[in-house]
Protein backbone atom coordinates (compact mmCIF):
# COMPACT_ATOMS: atom_id res chain seq x y z
CA MET A 1 25.14 -12.50 10.39
CA ILE A 2 22.12 -14.91 10.90
CA ARG A 3 19.07 -12.81 9.67
CA LYS A 4 15.33 -13.51 9.90
CA ALA A 5 13.12 -14.77 6.72
CA VAL A 6 10.44 -13.11 5.84
CA THR A 7 7.80 -13.70 3.16
CA SER A 8 6.80 -11.35 0.88
CA GLY A 9 3.52 -11.35 2.52
CA GLY A 10 5.52 -10.40 6.11
CA ILE A 11 5.27 -13.75 8.03
CA LYS A 12 8.16 -14.35 9.93
CA VAL A 13 8.94 -16.72 12.75
CA GLY A 14 6.65 -16.82 15.79
CA ASP A 15 3.74 -15.50 13.57
CA SER A 16 0.51 -17.56 14.15
CA GLU A 17 -0.68 -20.05 11.70
CA GLU A 18 -4.16 -18.08 11.20
CA ALA A 19 -1.34 -15.13 9.95
CA VAL A 20 0.07 -18.09 7.34
CA LYS A 21 -3.82 -19.02 6.67
CA LYS A 22 -4.52 -15.22 5.91
CA VAL A 23 -1.44 -14.04 3.80
CA THR A 24 -1.09 -17.45 1.52
CA ALA A 25 -4.72 -16.96 0.45
CA ASN A 26 -4.44 -15.97 -2.76
CA PHE A 27 -0.86 -17.90 -3.44
CA HIS A 28 -0.80 -21.68 -4.67
CA CYS A 29 -0.27 -23.27 -1.32
CA GLU A 30 -0.01 -27.22 -0.31
CA THR A 31 -0.48 -28.32 3.15
CA ASP A 32 0.77 -31.58 4.69
CA ASN A 33 0.70 -32.68 8.32
CA SER A 34 3.08 -34.49 10.41
CA LEU A 35 4.16 -35.36 14.12
CA GLY A 36 2.44 -32.51 15.05
CA TYR A 37 3.50 -30.14 12.21
CA THR A 38 1.84 -28.36 9.67
CA TYR A 39 4.14 -27.88 6.19
CA TYR A 40 2.82 -25.39 4.11
CA GLU A 41 4.23 -25.24 0.03
CA VAL A 42 3.76 -21.80 -1.44
CA SER A 43 4.25 -20.56 -4.28
CA ASP A 44 2.91 -17.78 -6.87
CA PRO A 45 0.27 -19.18 -9.16
CA ASP A 46 1.84 -17.29 -11.74
CA GLY A 47 5.36 -17.38 -11.12
CA SER A 48 8.21 -20.32 -11.49
CA SER A 49 7.42 -23.34 -9.08
CA LEU A 50 11.23 -22.65 -8.17
CA ASP A 51 10.51 -19.55 -6.18
CA ASN A 52 8.64 -20.42 -3.14
CA TYR A 53 8.58 -20.79 0.45
CA SER A 54 8.40 -23.37 3.00
CA ILE A 55 6.95 -22.72 6.24
CA VAL A 56 6.64 -24.85 9.59
CA VAL A 57 3.80 -24.77 11.90
CA ASN A 58 3.64 -25.70 15.13
CA ASP A 59 1.48 -25.46 17.92
CA GLY A 60 -0.10 -22.69 16.43
CA SER A 61 3.22 -20.83 15.39
CA VAL A 62 5.93 -20.46 13.16
CA ARG A 63 8.81 -22.14 13.63
CA MET A 64 10.88 -22.15 10.32
CA ILE A 65 10.64 -20.47 6.93
CA LYS A 66 12.48 -21.86 3.99
CA VAL A 67 12.75 -19.37 0.76
CA LYS A 68 13.62 -21.03 -2.55
CA ASN A 69 14.78 -18.91 -5.57
CA SER A 70 15.01 -19.88 -8.97
CA THR A 71 17.56 -17.34 -9.53
CA GLU A 72 20.90 -17.28 -7.79
CA PRO A 73 22.73 -13.78 -6.58
CA LYS A 74 25.45 -12.71 -8.05
């Protein structure tokens, strides 16, 4: 079964870039632009930098979310 990733702020694939900017305002967020894509690397400023989200935006819409966790599930 494939599950869609959703960030703690509720961002999911298909959401607008404006929604990403609004939700990430209180997080540590680095952006990079390349070939029409905007990459957001988002982490909690008070948490581990190993716990983060990578959000890829193209044409003003979220295309992909990758969630990274420092703790592996058992």
